[in-house]
Amino acid sequence: KGIVTDSVVVLVVREGNPKNIQSWDDLVKPGVSIVT
């Protein structure tokens, strides 16, 4: 159907994951800053 590449949406975090981001819910907690 015209598709040539596949991937999935992921959450990229700093080394060691200092904010312990594991899920979508963690993104909307106070003090978490997002780049998109």
PDB file of all heavy atoms in Angstrom:
ATOM      1  N   LYS A   1       0.812  -1.226   0.000  1.00  0.00           N
ATOM      2  CA  LYS A   1       0.000   0.000   0.000  1.00  0.00           C
ATOM      3  C   LYS A   1       0.844   1.274   0.000  1.00  0.00           C
ATOM      4  O   LYS A   1       0.498   2.265   0.638  1.00  0.00           O
ATOM      5  CB  LYS A   1      -0.944   0.003   1.213  1.00  0.00           C
ATOM      6  CG  LYS A   1      -1.835  -1.221   1.307  1.00  0.00           C
ATOM      7  CD  LYS A   1      -2.729  -1.372   0.089  1.00  0.00           C
ATOM      8  CE  LYS A   1      -3.654  -2.585   0.209  1.00  0.00           C
ATOM      9  NZ  LYS A   1      -4.466  -2.781  -1.027  1.00  0.00           N
ATOM     10  N   GLY A   2       1.963   1.216  -0.720  1.00  0.00           N
ATOM     11  CA  GLY A   2       2.809   2.398  -0.847  1.00  0.00           C
ATOM     12  C   GLY A   2       3.779   2.609   0.299  1.00  0.00           C
ATOM     13  O   GLY A   2       4.557   3.570   0.279  1.00  0.00           O
ATOM     14  N   ILE A   3       3.754   1.749   1.305  1.00  0.00           N
ATOM     15  CA  ILE A   3       4.628   1.904   2.474  1.00  0.00           C
ATOM     16  C   ILE A   3       5.996   1.277   2.183  1.00  0.00           C
ATOM     17  O   ILE A   3       6.082   0.145   1.701  1.00  0.00           O
ATOM     18  CB  ILE A   3       3.998   1.246   3.719  1.00  0.00           C
ATOM     19  CG1 ILE A   3       2.639   1.881   4.012  1.00  0.00           C
ATOM     20  CG2 ILE A   3       4.931   1.372   4.916  1.00  0.00           C
ATOM     21  CD1 ILE A   3       2.658   3.390   4.198  1.00  0.00           C
ATOM     22  N   VAL A   4       7.060   2.011   2.504  1.00  0.00           N
ATOM     23  CA  VAL A   4       8.414   1.505   2.248  1.00  0.00           C
ATOM     24  C   VAL A   4       9.235   1.315   3.528  1.00  0.00           C
ATOM     25  O   VAL A   4      10.223   0.569   3.516  1.00  0.00           O
ATOM     26  CB  VAL A   4       9.177   2.416   1.268  1.00  0.00           C
ATOM     27  CG1 VAL A   4       8.498   2.429  -0.087  1.00  0.00           C
ATOM     28  CG2 VAL A   4       9.330   3.838   1.795  1.00  0.00           C
ATOM     29  N   THR A   5       8.864   1.993   4.625  1.00  0.00           N
ATOM     30  CA  THR A   5       9.580   1.802   5.892  1.00  0.00           C
ATOM     31  C   THR A   5       8.601   1.816   7.062  1.00  0.00           C
ATOM     32  O   THR A   5       7.613   2.547   7.050  1.00  0.00           O
ATOM     33  CB  THR A   5      10.651   2.889   6.130  1.00  0.00           C
ATOM     34  OG1 THR A   5      10.087   4.195   5.900  1.00  0.00           O
ATOM     35  CG2 THR A   5      11.843   2.699   5.218  1.00  0.00           C
ATOM     36  N   ASP A   6       8.896   0.992   8.065  1.00  0.00           N
ATOM     37  CA  ASP A   6       8.089   0.896   9.284  1.00  0.00           C
ATOM     38  C   ASP A   6       8.940   1.207  10.515  1.00  0.00           C
ATOM     39  O   ASP A   6      10.144   0.929  10.538  1.00  0.00           O
ATOM     40  CB  ASP A   6       7.526  -0.516   9.467  1.00  0.00           C
ATOM     41  CG  ASP A   6       6.267  -0.778   8.654  1.00  0.00           C
ATOM     42  OD1 ASP A   6       5.790   0.149   7.963  1.00  0.00           O
ATOM     43  OD2 ASP A   6       5.779  -1.928   8.691  1.00  0.00           O
ATOM     44  N   SER A   7       8.285   1.741  11.541  1.00  0.00           N
ATOM     45  CA  SER A   7       8.923   1.932  12.832  1.00  0.00           C
ATOM     46  C   SER A   7       7.808   2.018  13.879  1.00  0.00           C
ATOM     47  O   SER A   7       6.638   1.750  13.575  1.00  0.00           O
ATOM     48  CB  SER A   7       9.781   3.212  12.838  1.00  0.00           C
ATOM     49  OG  SER A   7      10.636   3.242  13.963  1.00  0.00           O
ATOM     50  N   VAL A   8       8.151   2.369  15.098  1.00  0.00           N
ATOM     51  CA  VAL A   8       7.161   2.620  16.148  1.00  0.00           C
ATOM     52  C   VAL A   8       7.581   3.859  16.926  1.00  0.00           C
ATOM     53  O   VAL A   8       8.754   4.249  16.914  1.00  0.00           O
ATOM     54  CB  VAL A   8       6.999   1.421  17.120  1.00  0.00           C
ATOM     55  CG1 VAL A   8       6.517   0.180  16.388  1.00  0.00           C
ATOM     56  CG2 VAL A   8       8.291   1.140  17.869  1.00  0.00           C
ATOM     57  N   VAL A   9       6.622   4.471  17.605  1.00  0.00           N
ATOM     58  CA  VAL A   9       6.906   5.638  18.433  1.00  0.00           C
ATOM     59  C   VAL A   9       7.519   5.182  19.756  1.00  0.00           C
ATOM     60  O   VAL A   9       6.990   4.284  20.423  1.00  0.00           O
ATOM     61  CB  VAL A   9       5.624   6.450  18.699  1.00  0.00           C
ATOM     62  CG1 VAL A   9       5.923   7.640  19.613  1.00  0.00           C
ATOM     63  CG2 VAL A   9       5.007   6.937  17.380  1.00  0.00           C
ATOM     64  N   VAL A  10       8.652   5.809  20.130  1.00  0.00           N
ATOM     65  CA  VAL A  10       9.326   5.466  21.380  1.00  0.00           C
ATOM     66  C   VAL A  10       9.623   6.725  22.189  1.00  0.00           C
ATOM     67  O   VAL A  10       9.494   7.846  21.691  1.00  0.00           O
ATOM     68  CB  VAL A  10      10.648   4.696  21.123  1.00  0.00           C
ATOM     69  CG1 VAL A  10      10.377   3.413  20.373  1.00  0.00           C
ATOM     70  CG2 VAL A  10      11.662   5.563  20.388  1.00  0.00           C
ATOM     71  N   LEU A  11      10.026   6.521  23.437  1.00  0.00           N
ATOM     72  CA  LEU A  11      10.388   7.600  24.354  1.00  0.00           C
ATOM     73  C   LEU A  11      11.895   7.551  24.568  1.00  0.00           C
ATOM     74  O   LEU A  11      12.417   6.586  25.131  1.00  0.00           O
ATOM     75  CB  LEU A  11       9.652   7.429  25.686  1.00  0.00           C
ATOM     76  CG  LEU A  11       8.161   7.080  25.604  1.00  0.00           C
ATOM     77  CD1 LEU A  11       7.577   6.891  27.012  1.00  0.00           C
ATOM     78  CD2 LEU A  11       7.383   8.134  24.824  1.00  0.00           C
ATOM     79  N   VAL A  12      12.595   8.565  24.114  1.00  0.00           N
ATOM     80  CA  VAL A  12      14.050   8.624  24.251  1.00  0.00           C
ATOM     81  C   VAL A  12      14.391   9.433  25.496  1.00  0.00           C
ATOM     82  O   VAL A  12      13.879  10.546  25.684  1.00  0.00           O
ATOM     83  CB  VAL A  12      14.699   9.272  23.013  1.00  0.00           C
ATOM     84  CG1 VAL A  12      16.219   9.320  23.166  1.00  0.00           C
ATOM     85  CG2 VAL A  12      14.317   8.505  21.747  1.00  0.00           C
ATOM     86  N   VAL A  13      15.239   8.881  26.359  1.00  0.00           N
ATOM     87  CA  VAL A  13      15.546   9.520  27.644  1.00  0.00           C
ATOM     88  C   VAL A  13      17.058   9.637  27.832  1.00  0.00           C
ATOM     89  O   VAL A  13      17.845   9.019  27.113  1.00  0.00           O
ATOM     90  CB  VAL A  13      14.928   8.719  28.814  1.00  0.00           C
ATOM     91  CG1 VAL A  13      13.411   8.698  28.704  1.00  0.00           C
ATOM     92  CG2 VAL A  13      15.479   7.288  28.854  1.00  0.00           C
ATOM     93  N   ARG A  14      17.436  10.440  28.803  1.00  0.00           N
ATOM     94  CA  ARG A  14      18.854  10.622  29.112  1.00  0.00           C
ATOM     95  C   ARG A  14      19.477   9.333  29.654  1.00  0.00           C
ATOM     96  O   ARG A  14      18.769   8.464  30.180  1.00  0.00           O
ATOM     97  CB  ARG A  14      19.023  11.748  30.148  1.00  0.00           C
ATOM     98  CG  ARG A  14      18.458  13.090  29.718  1.00  0.00           C
ATOM     99  CD  ARG A  14      19.219  13.672  28.571  1.00  0.00           C
ATOM    100  NE  ARG A  14      18.617  14.919  28.061  1.00  0.00           N
ATOM    101  CZ  ARG A  14      18.973  15.510  26.927  1.00  0.00           C
ATOM    102  NH1 ARG A  14      19.930  14.983  26.185  1.00  0.00           N
ATOM    103  NH2 ARG A  14      18.375  16.619  26.541  1.00  0.00           N
ATOM    104  N   GLU A  15      20.788   9.228  29.546  1.00  0.00           N
ATOM    105  CA  GLU A  15      21.497   8.057  30.049  1.00  0.00           C
ATOM    106  C   GLU A  15      21.187   7.842  31.523  1.00  0.00           C
ATOM    107  O   GLU A  15      21.239   8.774  32.332  1.00  0.00           O
ATOM    108  CB  GLU A  15      23.005   8.225  29.846  1.00  0.00           C
ATOM    109  CG  GLU A  15      23.806   6.998  30.202  1.00  0.00           C
ATOM    110  CD  GLU A  15      25.286   7.153  29.882  1.00  0.00           C
ATOM    111  OE1 GLU A  15      25.732   8.304  29.623  1.00  0.00           O
ATOM    112  OE2 GLU A  15      26.002   6.137  29.899  1.00  0.00           O
ATOM    113  N   GLY A  16      20.820   6.615  31.851  1.00  0.00           N
ATOM    114  CA  GLY A  16      20.440   6.297  33.219  1.00  0.00           C
ATOM    115  C   GLY A  16      18.996   6.588  33.537  1.00  0.00           C
ATOM    116  O   GLY A  16      18.518   6.281  34.637  1.00  0.00           O
ATOM    117  N   ASN A  17      18.272   7.215  32.589  1.00  0.00           N
ATOM    118  CA  ASN A  17      16.851   7.542  32.746  1.00  0.00           C
ATOM    119  C   ASN A  17      16.584   8.207  34.100  1.00  0.00           C
ATOM    120  O   ASN A  17      15.827   7.690  34.930  1.00  0.00           O
ATOM    121  CB  ASN A  17      15.999   6.276  32.601  1.00  0.00           C
ATOM    122  CG  ASN A  17      14.531   6.579  32.334  1.00  0.00           C
ATOM    123  OD1 ASN A  17      14.117   7.737  32.253  1.00  0.00           O
ATOM    124  ND2 ASN A  17      13.737   5.535  32.219  1.00  0.00           N
ATOM    125  N   PRO A  18      17.187   9.382  34.340  1.00  0.00           N
ATOM    126  CA  PRO A  18      17.100  10.016  35.658  1.00  0.00           C
ATOM    127  C   PRO A  18      15.680  10.381  36.093  1.00  0.00           C
ATOM    128  O   PRO A  18      15.416  10.442  37.303  1.00  0.00           O
ATOM    129  CB  PRO A  18      17.962  11.278  35.511  1.00  0.00           C
ATOM    130  CG  PRO A  18      18.048  11.516  34.040  1.00  0.00           C
ATOM    131  CD  PRO A  18      18.027  10.169  33.411  1.00  0.00           C
ATOM    132  N   LYS A  19      14.776  10.608  35.168  1.00  0.00           N
ATOM    133  CA  LYS A  19      13.385  10.914  35.534  1.00  0.00           C
ATOM    134  C   LYS A  19      12.529   9.648  35.602  1.00  0.00           C
ATOM    135  O   LYS A  19      11.323   9.729  35.842  1.00  0.00           O
ATOM    136  CB  LYS A  19      12.772  11.897  34.528  1.00  0.00           C
ATOM    137  CG  LYS A  19      13.387  13.309  34.549  1.00  0.00           C
ATOM    138  CD  LYS A  19      13.035  14.047  35.832  1.00  0.00           C
ATOM    139  CE  LYS A  19      13.625  15.448  35.871  1.00  0.00           C
ATOM    140  NZ  LYS A  19      12.892  16.441  35.079  1.00  0.00           N
ATOM    141  N   ASN A  20      13.146   8.483  35.399  1.00  0.00           N
ATOM    142  CA  ASN A  20      12.465   7.182  35.461  1.00  0.00           C
ATOM    143  C   ASN A  20      11.212   7.175  34.588  1.00  0.00           C
ATOM    144  O   ASN A  20      10.119   6.798  35.017  1.00  0.00           O
ATOM    145  CB  ASN A  20      12.101   6.814  36.902  1.00  0.00           C
ATOM    146  CG  ASN A  20      11.687   5.350  37.030  1.00  0.00           C
ATOM    147  OD1 ASN A  20      12.130   4.497  36.254  1.00  0.00           O
ATOM    148  ND2 ASN A  20      10.835   5.059  37.996  1.00  0.00           N
ATOM    149  N   ILE A  21      11.382   7.576  33.357  1.00  0.00           N
ATOM    150  CA  ILE A  21      10.269   7.616  32.409  1.00  0.00           C
ATOM    151  C   ILE A  21      10.103   6.233  31.786  1.00  0.00           C
ATOM    152  O   ILE A  21      10.990   5.736  31.092  1.00  0.00           O
ATOM    153  CB  ILE A  21      10.527   8.684  31.327  1.00  0.00           C
ATOM    154  CG1 ILE A  21      10.507  10.073  31.978  1.00  0.00           C
ATOM    155  CG2 ILE A  21       9.500   8.590  30.204  1.00  0.00           C
ATOM    156  CD1 ILE A  21      11.014  11.177  31.087  1.00  0.00           C
ATOM    157  N   GLN A  22       8.957   5.622  32.036  1.00  0.00           N
ATOM    158  CA  GLN A  22       8.686   4.276  31.548  1.00  0.00           C
ATOM    159  C   GLN A  22       7.423   4.185  30.702  1.00  0.00           C
ATOM    160  O   GLN A  22       7.227   3.199  29.990  1.00  0.00           O
ATOM    161  CB  GLN A  22       8.546   3.308  32.741  1.00  0.00           C
ATOM    162  CG  GLN A  22       9.752   3.245  33.647  1.00  0.00           C
ATOM    163  CD  GLN A  22      10.983   2.665  32.973  1.00  0.00           C
ATOM    164  OE1 GLN A  22      10.885   1.954  31.971  1.00  0.00           O
ATOM    165  NE2 GLN A  22      12.165   2.965  33.519  1.00  0.00           N
ATOM    166  N   SER A  23       6.568   5.203  30.809  1.00  0.00           N
ATOM    167  CA  SER A  23       5.268   5.114  30.146  1.00  0.00           C
ATOM    168  C   SER A  23       4.787   6.499  29.717  1.00  0.00           C
ATOM    169  O   SER A  23       5.380   7.531  30.087  1.00  0.00           O
ATOM    170  CB  SER A  23       4.234   4.496  31.092  1.00  0.00           C
ATOM    171  OG  SER A  23       3.935   5.405  32.145  1.00  0.00           O
ATOM    172  N   TRP A  24       3.704   6.525  28.970  1.00  0.00           N
ATOM    173  CA  TRP A  24       3.109   7.792  28.544  1.00  0.00           C
ATOM    174  C   TRP A  24       2.665   8.636  29.731  1.00  0.00           C
ATOM    175  O   TRP A  24       2.764   9.866  29.696  1.00  0.00           O
ATOM    176  CB  TRP A  24       1.920   7.514  27.622  1.00  0.00           C
ATOM    177  CG  TRP A  24       2.317   6.954  26.289  1.00  0.00           C
ATOM    178  CD1 TRP A  24       2.281   5.642  25.895  1.00  0.00           C
ATOM    179  CD2 TRP A  24       2.832   7.686  25.171  1.00  0.00           C
ATOM    180  NE1 TRP A  24       2.745   5.505  24.614  1.00  0.00           N
ATOM    181  CE2 TRP A  24       3.074   6.745  24.134  1.00  0.00           C
ATOM    182  CE3 TRP A  24       3.103   9.031  24.940  1.00  0.00           C
ATOM    183  CZ2 TRP A  24       3.581   7.131  22.887  1.00  0.00           C
ATOM    184  CZ3 TRP A  24       3.607   9.408  23.702  1.00  0.00           C
ATOM    185  CH2 TRP A  24       3.840   8.470  22.692  1.00  0.00           C
ATOM    186  N   ASP A  25       2.193   7.992  30.786  1.00  0.00           N
ATOM    187  CA  ASP A  25       1.746   8.742  31.966  1.00  0.00           C
ATOM    188  C   ASP A  25       2.885   9.535  32.584  1.00  0.00           C
ATOM    189  O   ASP A  25       2.671  10.622  33.134  1.00  0.00           O
ATOM    190  CB  ASP A  25       1.156   7.788  33.013  1.00  0.00           C
ATOM    191  CG  ASP A  25      -0.208   7.252  32.618  1.00  0.00           C
ATOM    192  OD1 ASP A  25      -0.835   7.834  31.700  1.00  0.00           O
ATOM    193  OD2 ASP A  25      -0.647   6.247  33.214  1.00  0.00           O
ATOM    194  N   ASP A  26       4.092   9.009  32.493  1.00  0.00           N
ATOM    195  CA  ASP A  26       5.234   9.694  33.094  1.00  0.00           C
ATOM    196  C   ASP A  26       5.561  11.010  32.388  1.00  0.00           C
ATOM    197  O   ASP A  26       6.162  11.907  32.981  1.00  0.00           O
ATOM    198  CB  ASP A  26       6.467   8.792  33.070  1.00  0.00           C
ATOM    199  CG  ASP A  26       6.327   7.575  33.968  1.00  0.00           C
ATOM    200  OD1 ASP A  26       5.632   7.679  35.004  1.00  0.00           O
ATOM    201  OD2 ASP A  26       6.896   6.516  33.624  1.00  0.00           O
ATOM    202  N   LEU A  27       5.155  11.146  31.129  1.00  0.00           N
ATOM    203  CA  LEU A  27       5.471  12.355  30.372  1.00  0.00           C
ATOM    204  C   LEU A  27       4.712  13.577  30.865  1.00  0.00           C
ATOM    205  O   LEU A  27       5.161  14.712  30.663  1.00  0.00           O
ATOM    206  CB  LEU A  27       5.156  12.159  28.880  1.00  0.00           C
ATOM    207  CG  LEU A  27       5.834  11.003  28.161  1.00  0.00           C
ATOM    208  CD1 LEU A  27       5.499  11.063  26.677  1.00  0.00           C
ATOM    209  CD2 LEU A  27       7.334  11.045  28.368  1.00  0.00           C
ATOM    210  N   VAL A  28       3.561  13.364  31.473  1.00  0.00           N
ATOM    211  CA  VAL A  28       2.716  14.507  31.859  1.00  0.00           C
ATOM    212  C   VAL A  28       2.823  14.811  33.350  1.00  0.00           C
ATOM    213  O   VAL A  28       2.022  15.582  33.886  1.00  0.00           O
ATOM    214  CB  VAL A  28       1.242  14.258  31.451  1.00  0.00           C
ATOM    215  CG1 VAL A  28       1.144  14.182  29.927  1.00  0.00           C
ATOM    216  CG2 VAL A  28       0.678  12.990  32.075  1.00  0.00           C
ATOM    217  N   LYS A  29       3.833  14.255  33.997  1.00  0.00           N
ATOM    218  CA  LYS A  29       4.070  14.580  35.398  1.00  0.00           C
ATOM    219  C   LYS A  29       4.739  15.946  35.510  1.00  0.00           C
ATOM    220  O   LYS A  29       5.440  16.378  34.591  1.00  0.00           O
ATOM    221  CB  LYS A  29       4.951  13.510  36.043  1.00  0.00           C
ATOM    222  CG  LYS A  29       4.275  12.160  36.204  1.00  0.00           C
ATOM    223  CD  LYS A  29       5.220  11.135  36.831  1.00  0.00           C
ATOM    224  CE  LYS A  29       4.520   9.805  37.040  1.00  0.00           C
ATOM    225  NZ  LYS A  29       5.440   8.777  37.615  1.00  0.00           N
ATOM    226  N   PRO A  30       4.533  16.652  36.615  1.00  0.00           N
ATOM    227  CA  PRO A  30       5.197  17.944  36.802  1.00  0.00           C
ATOM    228  C   PRO A  30       6.713  17.804  36.721  1.00  0.00           C
ATOM    229  O   PRO A  30       7.279  16.822  37.206  1.00  0.00           O
ATOM    230  CB  PRO A  30       4.755  18.356  38.217  1.00  0.00           C
ATOM    231  CG  PRO A  30       3.476  17.613  38.457  1.00  0.00           C
ATOM    232  CD  PRO A  30       3.645  16.306  37.743  1.00  0.00           C
ATOM    233  N   GLY A  31       7.358  18.775  36.080  1.00  0.00           N
ATOM    234  CA  GLY A  31       8.809  18.799  36.024  1.00  0.00           C
ATOM    235  C   GLY A  31       9.437  18.009  34.904  1.00  0.00           C
ATOM    236  O   GLY A  31      10.663  17.959  34.791  1.00  0.00           O
ATOM    237  N   VAL A  32       8.617  17.383  34.042  1.00  0.00           N
ATOM    238  CA  VAL A  32       9.142  16.643  32.897  1.00  0.00           C
ATOM    239  C   VAL A  32       9.016  17.522  31.655  1.00  0.00           C
ATOM    240  O   VAL A  32       7.942  18.020  31.339  1.00  0.00           O
ATOM    241  CB  VAL A  32       8.371  15.323  32.682  1.00  0.00           C
ATOM    242  CG1 VAL A  32       8.828  14.641  31.393  1.00  0.00           C
ATOM    243  CG2 VAL A  32       8.568  14.391  33.877  1.00  0.00           C
ATOM    244  N   SER A  33      10.117  17.734  30.954  1.00  0.00           N
ATOM    245  CA  SER A  33      10.095  18.563  29.743  1.00  0.00           C
ATOM    246  C   SER A  33      10.265  17.691  28.507  1.00  0.00           C
ATOM    247  O   SER A  33      11.129  16.817  28.462  1.00  0.00           O
ATOM    248  CB  SER A  33      11.183  19.641  29.797  1.00  0.00           C
ATOM    249  OG  SER A  33      12.462  19.071  29.911  1.00  0.00           O
ATOM    250  N   ILE A  34       9.427  17.954  27.500  1.00  0.00           N
ATOM    251  CA  ILE A  34       9.307  17.105  26.321  1.00  0.00           C
ATOM    252  C   ILE A  34       9.830  17.826  25.083  1.00  0.00           C
ATOM    253  O   ILE A  34       9.597  19.017  24.900  1.00  0.00           O
ATOM    254  CB  ILE A  34       7.823  16.731  26.088  1.00  0.00           C
ATOM    255  CG1 ILE A  34       7.269  15.944  27.286  1.00  0.00           C
ATOM    256  CG2 ILE A  34       7.648  15.943  24.789  1.00  0.00           C
ATOM    257  CD1 ILE A  34       5.747  15.795  27.260  1.00  0.00           C
ATOM    258  N   VAL A  35      10.504  17.076  24.216  1.00  0.00           N
ATOM    259  CA  VAL A  35      10.867  17.565  22.884  1.00  0.00           C
ATOM    260  C   VAL A  35      10.164  16.678  21.858  1.00  0.00           C
ATOM    261  O   VAL A  35      10.248  15.449  21.927  1.00  0.00           O
ATOM    262  CB  VAL A  35      12.388  17.501  22.649  1.00  0.00           C
ATOM    263  CG1 VAL A  35      12.728  17.969  21.229  1.00  0.00           C
ATOM    264  CG2 VAL A  35      13.132  18.337  23.672  1.00  0.00           C
ATOM    265  N   THR A  36       9.456  17.304  20.945  1.00  0.00           N
ATOM    266  CA  THR A  36       8.818  16.596  19.836  1.00  0.00           C
ATOM    267  C   THR A  36       8.713  17.561  18.673  1.00  0.00           C
ATOM    268  O   THR A  36       8.632  18.773  18.889  1.00  0.00           O
ATOM    269  CB  THR A  36       7.426  16.046  20.223  1.00  0.00           C
ATOM    270  OG1 THR A  36       6.930  15.175  19.193  1.00  0.00           O
ATOM    271  CG2 THR A  36       6.428  17.154  20.472  1.00  0.00           C
TER     272      THR A  36
END
